[in-house]
Amino acid sequence: MVYYAFLKWTTNEAANRWLITAPTPEAVDEWWREASAKFDVKRLSPDFYTYTSGTVWSLAPNASLKIAFNLMYDRDSRVALTFHQPPRTDVVSGNA
């Protein structure tokens, strides 16, 4: 099953919204742990993250090899992507 999460750049409200696509929720968790160790990446929920600096592919170079980033449309003129995702337990694991 494919897992999705949102990533939003907090410095600019209107731009830099990303859809993270991963093979498992654990792959996103691994990305978040690597990225948050070096950058100001916040985990607001299991499928919503924010960042304040850096480029998405350089936030966690090792974990980024396992996931894909897709730039979403901006706020002012285009339709945002949506997705349906089955619920999952909100667990922060150190062993993903």
PDB file of N, CA and C in Angstrom:
ATOM      1  N   MET A   1       0.834  -1.171   0.000  1.00  0.00           N
ATOM      2  CA  MET A   1       0.000   0.000   0.000  1.00  0.00           C
ATOM      3  C   MET A   1       0.888   1.246   0.000  1.00  0.00           C
ATOM      4  N   VAL A   2       0.488   2.245  -0.694  1.00  0.00           N
ATOM      5  CA  VAL A   2       1.205   3.522  -0.739  1.00  0.00           C
ATOM      6  C   VAL A   2       0.688   4.403   0.383  1.00  0.00           C
ATOM      7  N   TYR A   3       1.606   5.129   1.016  1.00  0.00           N
ATOM      8  CA  TYR A   3       1.254   6.018   2.111  1.00  0.00           C
ATOM      9  C   TYR A   3       1.564   7.458   1.713  1.00  0.00           C
ATOM     10  N   TYR A   4       0.689   8.388   2.087  1.00  0.00           N
ATOM     11  CA  TYR A   4       0.857   9.789   1.739  1.00  0.00           C
ATOM     12  C   TYR A   4       0.944  10.658   2.990  1.00  0.00           C
ATOM     13  N   ALA A   5       1.672  11.758   2.881  1.00  0.00           N
ATOM     14  CA  ALA A   5       1.734  12.761   3.943  1.00  0.00           C
ATOM     15  C   ALA A   5       1.919  14.134   3.304  1.00  0.00           C
ATOM     16  N   PHE A   6       1.504  15.161   4.009  1.00  0.00           N
ATOM     17  CA  PHE A   6       1.686  16.537   3.555  1.00  0.00           C
ATOM     18  C   PHE A   6       2.918  17.137   4.216  1.00  0.00           C
ATOM     19  N   LEU A   7       3.606  17.991   3.474  1.00  0.00           N
ATOM     20  CA  LEU A   7       4.739  18.752   4.001  1.00  0.00           C
ATOM     21  C   LEU A   7       4.558  20.195   3.556  1.00  0.00           C
ATOM     22  N   LYS A   8       4.570  21.114   4.508  1.00  0.00           N
ATOM     23  CA  LYS A   8       4.311  22.519   4.204  1.00  0.00           C
ATOM     24  C   LYS A   8       5.464  23.376   4.697  1.00  0.00           C
ATOM     25  N   TRP A   9       5.909  24.283   3.832  1.00  0.00           N
ATOM     26  CA  TRP A   9       6.936  25.263   4.195  1.00  0.00           C
ATOM     27  C   TRP A   9       6.246  26.402   4.922  1.00  0.00           C
ATOM     28  N   THR A  10       6.620  26.666   6.164  1.00  0.00           N
ATOM     29  CA  THR A  10       5.898  27.652   6.972  1.00  0.00           C
ATOM     30  C   THR A  10       6.329  29.088   6.722  1.00  0.00           C
ATOM     31  N   THR A  11       7.426  29.300   6.017  1.00  0.00           N
ATOM     32  CA  THR A  11       7.909  30.652   5.760  1.00  0.00           C
ATOM     33  C   THR A  11       7.030  31.402   4.772  1.00  0.00           C
ATOM     34  N   ASN A  12       6.382  30.680   3.873  1.00  0.00           N
ATOM     35  CA  ASN A  12       5.520  31.302   2.872  1.00  0.00           C
ATOM     36  C   ASN A  12       4.200  30.542   2.842  1.00  0.00           C
ATOM     37  N   GLU A  13       3.141  31.205   3.233  1.00  0.00           N
ATOM     38  CA  GLU A  13       1.829  30.552   3.325  1.00  0.00           C
ATOM     39  C   GLU A  13       1.302  30.056   1.983  1.00  0.00           C
ATOM     40  N   ALA A  14       1.645  30.735   0.915  1.00  0.00           N
ATOM     41  CA  ALA A  14       1.009  30.449  -0.370  1.00  0.00           C
ATOM     42  C   ALA A  14       1.734  29.424  -1.233  1.00  0.00           C
ATOM     43  N   ALA A  15       2.925  29.050  -0.885  1.00  0.00           N
ATOM     44  CA  ALA A  15       3.698  28.188  -1.786  1.00  0.00           C
ATOM     45  C   ALA A  15       4.416  27.079  -1.022  1.00  0.00           C
ATOM     46  N   ASN A  16       5.079  26.240  -1.790  1.00  0.00           N
ATOM     47  CA  ASN A  16       5.897  25.151  -1.251  1.00  0.00           C
ATOM     48  C   ASN A  16       5.117  24.193  -0.362  1.00  0.00           C
ATOM     49  N   ARG A  17       4.110  23.607  -0.944  1.00  0.00           N
ATOM     50  CA  ARG A  17       3.335  22.546  -0.293  1.00  0.00           C
ATOM     51  C   ARG A  17       3.654  21.261  -1.042  1.00  0.00           C
ATOM     52  N   TRP A  18       4.012  20.239  -0.305  1.00  0.00           N
ATOM     53  CA  TRP A  18       4.495  19.001  -0.908  1.00  0.00           C
ATOM     54  C   TRP A  18       3.640  17.815  -0.490  1.00  0.00           C
ATOM     55  N   LEU A  19       3.513  16.864  -1.388  1.00  0.00           N
ATOM     56  CA  LEU A  19       2.906  15.580  -1.079  1.00  0.00           C
ATOM     57  C   LEU A  19       4.037  14.571  -1.008  1.00  0.00           C
ATOM     58  N   ILE A  20       4.187  13.929   0.131  1.00  0.00           N
ATOM     59  CA  ILE A  20       5.185  12.882   0.304  1.00  0.00           C
ATOM     60  C   ILE A  20       4.514  11.554  -0.022  1.00  0.00           C
ATOM     61  N   THR A  21       5.131  10.767  -0.868  1.00  0.00           N
ATOM     62  CA  THR A  21       4.618   9.447  -1.223  1.00  0.00           C
ATOM     63  C   THR A  21       5.655   8.421  -0.779  1.00  0.00           C
ATOM     64  N   ALA A  22       5.215   7.434  -0.018  1.00  0.00           N
ATOM     65  CA  ALA A  22       6.140   6.444   0.538  1.00  0.00           C
ATOM     66  C   ALA A  22       5.512   5.065   0.501  1.00  0.00           C
ATOM     67  N   PRO A  23       6.342   4.018   0.544  1.00  0.00           N
ATOM     68  CA  PRO A  23       5.790   2.667   0.527  1.00  0.00           C
ATOM     69  C   PRO A  23       5.124   2.279   1.843  1.00  0.00           C
ATOM     70  N   THR A  24       5.533   2.915   2.959  1.00  0.00           N
ATOM     71  CA  THR A  24       4.982   2.603   4.276  1.00  0.00           C
ATOM     72  C   THR A  24       4.976   3.859   5.144  1.00  0.00           C
ATOM     73  N   PRO A  25       4.153   3.876   6.190  1.00  0.00           N
ATOM     74  CA  PRO A  25       4.214   4.990   7.143  1.00  0.00           C
ATOM     75  C   PRO A  25       5.575   5.048   7.841  1.00  0.00           C
ATOM     76  N   GLU A  26       6.195   3.915   8.031  1.00  0.00           N
ATOM     77  CA  GLU A  26       7.503   3.878   8.689  1.00  0.00           C
ATOM     78  C   GLU A  26       8.573   4.595   7.873  1.00  0.00           C
ATOM     79  N   ALA A  27       8.460   4.577   6.552  1.00  0.00           N
ATOM     80  CA  ALA A  27       9.419   5.290   5.703  1.00  0.00           C
ATOM     81  C   ALA A  27       9.294   6.798   5.909  1.00  0.00           C
ATOM     82  N   VAL A  28       8.063   7.292   6.082  1.00  0.00           N
ATOM     83  CA  VAL A  28       7.861   8.713   6.374  1.00  0.00           C
ATOM     84  C   VAL A  28       8.400   9.034   7.761  1.00  0.00           C
ATOM     85  N   ASP A  29       8.169   8.157   8.716  1.00  0.00           N
ATOM     86  CA  ASP A  29       8.688   8.356  10.073  1.00  0.00           C
ATOM     87  C   ASP A  29      10.220   8.405  10.064  1.00  0.00           C
ATOM     88  N   GLU A  30      10.829   7.537   9.289  1.00  0.00           N
ATOM     89  CA  GLU A  30      12.290   7.539   9.167  1.00  0.00           C
ATOM     90  C   GLU A  30      12.783   8.852   8.560  1.00  0.00           C
ATOM     91  N   TRP A  31      12.099   9.330   7.527  1.00  0.00           N
ATOM     92  CA  TRP A  31      12.448  10.619   6.919  1.00  0.00           C
ATOM     93  C   TRP A  31      12.346  11.733   7.953  1.00  0.00           C
ATOM     94  N   TRP A  32      11.244  11.773   8.704  1.00  0.00           N
ATOM     95  CA  TRP A  32      11.029  12.820   9.700  1.00  0.00           C
ATOM     96  C   TRP A  32      12.114  12.793  10.771  1.00  0.00           C
ATOM     97  N   ARG A  33      12.478  11.621  11.269  1.00  0.00           N
ATOM     98  CA  ARG A  33      13.513  11.539  12.307  1.00  0.00           C
ATOM     99  C   ARG A  33      14.850  12.059  11.794  1.00  0.00           C
ATOM    100  N   GLU A  34      15.215  11.699  10.573  1.00  0.00           N
ATOM    101  CA  GLU A  34      16.477  12.197  10.007  1.00  0.00           C
ATOM    102  C   GLU A  34      16.411  13.714   9.771  1.00  0.00           C
ATOM    103  N   ALA A  35      15.317  14.196   9.201  1.00  0.00           N
ATOM    104  CA  ALA A  35      15.189  15.622   8.888  1.00  0.00           C
ATOM    105  C   ALA A  35      15.125  16.476  10.151  1.00  0.00           C
ATOM    106  N   SER A  36      14.402  16.032  11.163  1.00  0.00           N
ATOM    107  CA  SER A  36      14.234  16.851  12.370  1.00  0.00           C
ATOM    108  C   SER A  36      15.498  16.887  13.222  1.00  0.00           C
ATOM    109  N   ALA A  37      16.419  15.976  12.991  1.00  0.00           N
ATOM    110  CA  ALA A  37      17.687  16.003  13.725  1.00  0.00           C
ATOM    111  C   ALA A  37      18.582  17.151  13.247  1.00  0.00           C
ATOM    112  N   LYS A  38      18.407  17.589  11.995  1.00  0.00           N
ATOM    113  CA  LYS A  38      19.274  18.629  11.423  1.00  0.00           C
ATOM    114  C   LYS A  38      18.554  19.928  11.093  1.00  0.00           C
ATOM    115  N   PHE A  39      17.251  19.869  10.884  1.00  0.00           N
ATOM    116  CA  PHE A  39      16.492  21.040  10.456  1.00  0.00           C
ATOM    117  C   PHE A  39      15.269  21.212  11.352  1.00  0.00           C
ATOM    118  N   ASP A  40      14.605  22.351  11.212  1.00  0.00           N
ATOM    119  CA  ASP A  40      13.397  22.626  11.976  1.00  0.00           C
ATOM    120  C   ASP A  40      12.194  22.015  11.254  1.00  0.00           C
ATOM    121  N   VAL A  41      12.099  20.695  11.324  1.00  0.00           N
ATOM    122  CA  VAL A  41      10.979  19.964  10.727  1.00  0.00           C
ATOM    123  C   VAL A  41      10.087  19.494  11.871  1.00  0.00           C
ATOM    124  N   LYS A  42       8.832  19.891  11.833  1.00  0.00           N
ATOM    125  CA  LYS A  42       7.870  19.562  12.891  1.00  0.00           C
ATOM    126  C   LYS A  42       6.885  18.510  12.407  1.00  0.00           C
ATOM    127  N   ARG A  43       6.561  17.593  13.259  1.00  0.00           N
ATOM    128  CA  ARG A  43       5.548  16.564  12.992  1.00  0.00           C
ATOM    129  C   ARG A  43       4.283  16.973  13.724  1.00  0.00           C
ATOM    130  N   LEU A  44       3.277  17.447  12.986  1.00  0.00           N
ATOM    131  CA  LEU A  44       2.034  17.889  13.590  1.00  0.00           C
ATOM    132  C   LEU A  44       1.046  16.743  13.766  1.00  0.00           C
ATOM    133  N   SER A  45       1.183  15.727  12.935  1.00  0.00           N
ATOM    134  CA  SER A  45       0.373  14.513  13.015  1.00  0.00           C
ATOM    135  C   SER A  45       1.107  13.451  12.198  1.00  0.00           C
ATOM    136  N   PRO A  46       0.631  12.214  12.183  1.00  0.00           N
ATOM    137  CA  PRO A  46       1.322  11.177  11.409  1.00  0.00           C
ATOM    138  C   PRO A  46       1.403  11.462   9.913  1.00  0.00           C
ATOM    139  N   ASP A  47       0.545  12.369   9.419  1.00  0.00           N
ATOM    140  CA  ASP A  47       0.566  12.647   7.977  1.00  0.00           C
ATOM    141  C   ASP A  47       0.604  14.134   7.648  1.00  0.00           C
ATOM    142  N   PHE A  48       1.127  14.956   8.589  1.00  0.00           N
ATOM    143  CA  PHE A  48       1.265  16.385   8.323  1.00  0.00           C
ATOM    144  C   PHE A  48       2.525  16.917   9.004  1.00  0.00           C
ATOM    145  N   TYR A  49       3.418  17.510   8.187  1.00  0.00           N
ATOM    146  CA  TYR A  49       4.712  18.001   8.657  1.00  0.00           C
ATOM    147  C   TYR A  49       4.924  19.412   8.144  1.00  0.00           C
ATOM    148  N   THR A  50       5.749  20.196   8.864  1.00  0.00           N
ATOM    149  CA  THR A  50       6.125  21.526   8.417  1.00  0.00           C
ATOM    150  C   THR A  50       7.638  21.669   8.488  1.00  0.00           C
ATOM    151  N   TYR A  51       8.169  22.595   7.684  1.00  0.00           N
ATOM    152  CA  TYR A  51       9.596  22.915   7.731  1.00  0.00           C
ATOM    153  C   TYR A  51       9.783  24.392   7.478  1.00  0.00           C
ATOM    154  N   THR A  52      10.950  24.928   7.910  1.00  0.00           N
ATOM    155  CA  THR A  52      11.195  26.362   7.799  1.00  0.00           C
ATOM    156  C   THR A  52      12.391  26.702   6.926  1.00  0.00           C
ATOM    157  N   SER A  53      13.249  25.736   6.634  1.00  0.00           N
ATOM    158  CA  SER A  53      14.420  26.028   5.807  1.00  0.00           C
ATOM    159  C   SER A  53      14.875  24.769   5.095  1.00  0.00           C
ATOM    160  N   GLY A  54      15.745  24.965   4.092  1.00  0.00           N
ATOM    161  CA  GLY A  54      16.250  23.833   3.329  1.00  0.00           C
ATOM    162  C   GLY A  54      15.344  23.489   2.161  1.00  0.00           C
ATOM    163  N   THR A  55      15.781  22.534   1.371  1.00  0.00           N
ATOM    164  CA  THR A  55      14.972  22.011   0.276  1.00  0.00           C
ATOM    165  C   THR A  55      14.508  20.623   0.672  1.00  0.00           C
ATOM    166  N   VAL A  56      13.336  20.230   0.249  1.00  0.00           N
ATOM    167  CA  VAL A  56      12.754  18.976   0.736  1.00  0.00           C
ATOM    168  C   VAL A  56      13.646  17.773   0.493  1.00  0.00           C
ATOM    169  N   TRP A  57      14.338  17.730  -0.640  1.00  0.00           N
ATOM    170  CA  TRP A  57      15.168  16.570  -0.942  1.00  0.00           C
ATOM    171  C   TRP A  57      16.470  16.566  -0.150  1.00  0.00           C
ATOM    172  N   SER A  58      16.867  17.724   0.414  1.00  0.00           N
ATOM    173  CA  SER A  58      18.107  17.762   1.195  1.00  0.00           C
ATOM    174  C   SER A  58      17.864  17.715   2.703  1.00  0.00           C
ATOM    175  N   LEU A  59      16.620  17.718   3.149  1.00  0.00           N
ATOM    176  CA  LEU A  59      16.339  17.666   4.580  1.00  0.00           C
ATOM    177  C   LEU A  59      16.811  16.353   5.190  1.00  0.00           C
ATOM    178  N   ALA A  60      16.625  15.270   4.485  1.00  0.00           N
ATOM    179  CA  ALA A  60      17.018  13.943   4.967  1.00  0.00           C
ATOM    180  C   ALA A  60      17.496  13.118   3.777  1.00  0.00           C
ATOM    181  N   PRO A  61      18.743  13.315   3.342  1.00  0.00           N
ATOM    182  CA  PRO A  61      19.199  12.679   2.104  1.00  0.00           C
ATOM    183  C   PRO A  61      19.140  11.153   2.098  1.00  0.00           C
ATOM    184  N   ASN A  62      19.406  10.510   3.211  1.00  0.00           N
ATOM    185  CA  ASN A  62      19.376   9.040   3.237  1.00  0.00           C
ATOM    186  C   ASN A  62      17.953   8.506   3.152  1.00  0.00           C
ATOM    187  N   ALA A  63      17.075   9.033   3.984  1.00  0.00           N
ATOM    188  CA  ALA A  63      15.681   8.577   3.984  1.00  0.00           C
ATOM    189  C   ALA A  63      14.942   9.006   2.724  1.00  0.00           C
ATOM    190  N   SER A  64      15.370  10.108   2.106  1.00  0.00           N
ATOM    191  CA  SER A  64      14.700  10.594   0.898  1.00  0.00           C
ATOM    192  C   SER A  64      14.845   9.647  -0.280  1.00  0.00           C
ATOM    193  N   LEU A  65      15.790   8.746  -0.215  1.00  0.00           N
ATOM    194  CA  LEU A  65      15.953   7.757  -1.283  1.00  0.00           C
ATOM    195  C   LEU A  65      14.791   6.774  -1.323  1.00  0.00           C
ATOM    196  N   LYS A  66      14.032   6.679  -0.238  1.00  0.00           N
ATOM    197  CA  LYS A  66      12.934   5.713  -0.132  1.00  0.00           C
ATOM    198  C   LYS A  66      11.562   6.321  -0.389  1.00  0.00           C
ATOM    199  N   ILE A  67      11.507   7.646  -0.584  1.00  0.00           N
ATOM    200  CA  ILE A  67      10.219   8.316  -0.760  1.00  0.00           C
ATOM    201  C   ILE A  67      10.281   9.275  -1.938  1.00  0.00           C
ATOM    202  N   ALA A  68       9.119   9.780  -2.342  1.00  0.00           N
ATOM    203  CA  ALA A  68       9.040  10.746  -3.442  1.00  0.00           C
ATOM    204  C   ALA A  68       8.347  12.003  -2.947  1.00  0.00           C
ATOM    205  N   PHE A  69       8.798  13.154  -3.461  1.00  0.00           N
ATOM    206  CA  PHE A  69       8.188  14.445  -3.148  1.00  0.00           C
ATOM    207  C   PHE A  69       7.532  14.989  -4.405  1.00  0.00           C
ATOM    208  N   ASN A  70       6.289  15.393  -4.288  1.00  0.00           N
ATOM    209  CA  ASN A  70       5.559  15.990  -5.401  1.00  0.00           C
ATOM    210  C   ASN A  70       5.097  17.374  -4.979  1.00  0.00           C
ATOM    211  N   LEU A  71       5.531  18.403  -5.717  1.00  0.00           N
ATOM    212  CA  LEU A  71       5.123  19.773  -5.424  1.00  0.00           C
ATOM    213  C   LEU A  71       3.644  19.925  -5.745  1.00  0.00           C
ATOM    214  N   MET A  72       2.903  20.419  -4.768  1.00  0.00           N
ATOM    215  CA  MET A  72       1.467  20.617  -4.952  1.00  0.00           C
ATOM    216  C   MET A  72       1.217  22.019  -5.479  1.00  0.00           C
ATOM    217  N   TYR A  73       0.027  22.254  -5.929  1.00  0.00           N
ATOM    218  CA  TYR A  73      -0.345  23.561  -6.449  1.00  0.00           C
ATOM    219  C   TYR A  73      -0.341  24.606  -5.347  1.00  0.00           C
ATOM    220  N   ASP A  74      -0.177  25.850  -5.738  1.00  0.00           N
ATOM    221  CA  ASP A  74      -0.181  26.931  -4.758  1.00  0.00           C
ATOM    222  C   ASP A  74      -1.598  27.262  -4.292  1.00  0.00           C
ATOM    223  N   ARG A  75      -1.672  28.038  -3.268  1.00  0.00           N
ATOM    224  CA  ARG A  75      -2.944  28.347  -2.622  1.00  0.00           C
ATOM    225  C   ARG A  75      -3.847  29.238  -3.453  1.00  0.00           C
ATOM    226  N   ASP A  76      -3.277  30.145  -4.216  1.00  0.00           N
ATOM    227  CA  ASP A  76      -4.074  31.206  -4.807  1.00  0.00           C
ATOM    228  C   ASP A  76      -4.782  30.884  -6.115  1.00  0.00           C
ATOM    229  N   SER A  77      -4.311  29.907  -6.872  1.00  0.00           N
ATOM    230  CA  SER A  77      -4.922  29.773  -8.192  1.00  0.00           C
ATOM    231  C   SER A  77      -5.248  28.351  -8.628  1.00  0.00           C
ATOM    232  N   ARG A  78      -4.866  27.370  -7.876  1.00  0.00           N
ATOM    233  CA  ARG A  78      -5.084  26.010  -8.358  1.00  0.00           C
ATOM    234  C   ARG A  78      -5.686  25.119  -7.278  1.00  0.00           C
ATOM    235  N   VAL A  79      -6.200  24.002  -7.689  1.00  0.00           N
ATOM    236  CA  VAL A  79      -6.847  23.058  -6.786  1.00  0.00           C
ATOM    237  C   VAL A  79      -5.788  22.222  -6.062  1.00  0.00           C
ATOM    238  N   ALA A  80      -5.951  22.070  -4.763  1.00  0.00           N
ATOM    239  CA  ALA A  80      -5.032  21.250  -3.978  1.00  0.00           C
ATOM    240  C   ALA A  80      -5.374  19.777  -4.141  1.00  0.00           C
ATOM    241  N   LEU A  81      -4.358  18.943  -4.094  1.00  0.00           N
ATOM    242  CA  LEU A  81      -4.569  17.500  -4.144  1.00  0.00           C
ATOM    243  C   LEU A  81      -5.175  17.018  -2.829  1.00  0.00           C
ATOM    244  N   THR A  82      -6.011  16.016  -2.930  1.00  0.00           N
ATOM    245  CA  THR A  82      -6.539  15.372  -1.731  1.00  0.00           C
ATOM    246  C   THR A  82      -6.334  13.879  -1.871  1.00  0.00           C
ATOM    247  N   PHE A  83      -6.368  13.182  -0.763  1.00  0.00           N
ATOM    248  CA  PHE A  83      -6.228  11.735  -0.802  1.00  0.00           C
ATOM    249  C   PHE A  83      -6.972  11.117   0.364  1.00  0.00           C
ATOM    250  N   HIS A  84      -7.407   9.890   0.169  1.00  0.00           N
ATOM    251  CA  HIS A  84      -8.039   9.132   1.236  1.00  0.00           C
ATOM    252  C   HIS A  84      -6.997   8.177   1.790  1.00  0.00           C
ATOM    253  N   GLN A  85      -6.893   8.162   3.090  1.00  0.00           N
ATOM    254  CA  GLN A  85      -5.904   7.308   3.726  1.00  0.00           C
ATOM    255  C   GLN A  85      -6.559   6.602   4.897  1.00  0.00           C
ATOM    256  N   PRO A  86      -6.357   5.288   5.025  1.00  0.00           N
ATOM    257  CA  PRO A  86      -6.943   4.597   6.164  1.00  0.00           C
ATOM    258  C   PRO A  86      -6.314   5.100   7.466  1.00  0.00           C
ATOM    259  N   PRO A  87      -7.076   5.120   8.549  1.00  0.00           N
ATOM    260  CA  PRO A  87      -6.507   5.582   9.814  1.00  0.00           C
ATOM    261  C   PRO A  87      -5.387   4.662  10.281  1.00  0.00           C
ATOM    262  N   ARG A  88      -4.452   5.245  11.004  1.00  0.00           N
ATOM    263  CA  ARG A  88      -3.382   4.443  11.588  1.00  0.00           C
ATOM    264  C   ARG A  88      -3.056   4.988  12.957  1.00  0.00           C
ATOM    265  N   THR A  89      -2.450   4.174  13.779  1.00  0.00           N
ATOM    266  CA  THR A  89      -2.082   4.571  15.121  1.00  0.00           C
ATOM    267  C   THR A  89      -0.984   5.617  15.067  1.00  0.00           C
ATOM    268  N   ASP A  90      -1.108   6.630  15.876  1.00  0.00           N
ATOM    269  CA  ASP A  90      -0.114   7.706  15.940  1.00  0.00           C
ATOM    270  C   ASP A  90       1.019   7.256  16.863  1.00  0.00           C
ATOM    271  N   VAL A  91       2.004   6.602  16.285  1.00  0.00           N
ATOM    272  CA  VAL A  91       3.131   6.083  17.045  1.00  0.00           C
ATOM    273  C   VAL A  91       4.409   6.657  16.469  1.00  0.00           C
ATOM    274  N   VAL A  92       5.226   7.247  17.319  1.00  0.00           N
ATOM    275  CA  VAL A  92       6.539   7.717  16.893  1.00  0.00           C
ATOM    276  C   VAL A  92       7.517   6.617  17.266  1.00  0.00           C
ATOM    277  N   SER A  93       8.074   5.976  16.255  1.00  0.00           N
ATOM    278  CA  SER A  93       8.957   4.834  16.456  1.00  0.00           C
ATOM    279  C   SER A  93      10.392   5.234  16.232  1.00  0.00           C
ATOM    280  N   GLY A  94      11.298   4.639  16.975  1.00  0.00           N
ATOM    281  CA  GLY A  94      12.713   4.842  16.757  1.00  0.00           C
ATOM    282  C   GLY A  94      13.323   3.726  15.943  1.00  0.00           C
ATOM    283  N   ASN A  95      12.501   2.789  15.498  1.00  0.00           N
ATOM    284  CA  ASN A  95      13.027   1.612  14.802  1.00  0.00           C
ATOM    285  C   ASN A  95      12.410   1.395  13.436  1.00  0.00           C
ATOM    286  N   ALA A  96      11.995   2.459  12.769  1.00  0.00           N
ATOM    287  CA  ALA A  96      11.357   2.309  11.456  1.00  0.00           C
ATOM    288  C   ALA A  96      12.385   1.948  10.403  1.00  0.00           C
TER     289      ALA A  96
END
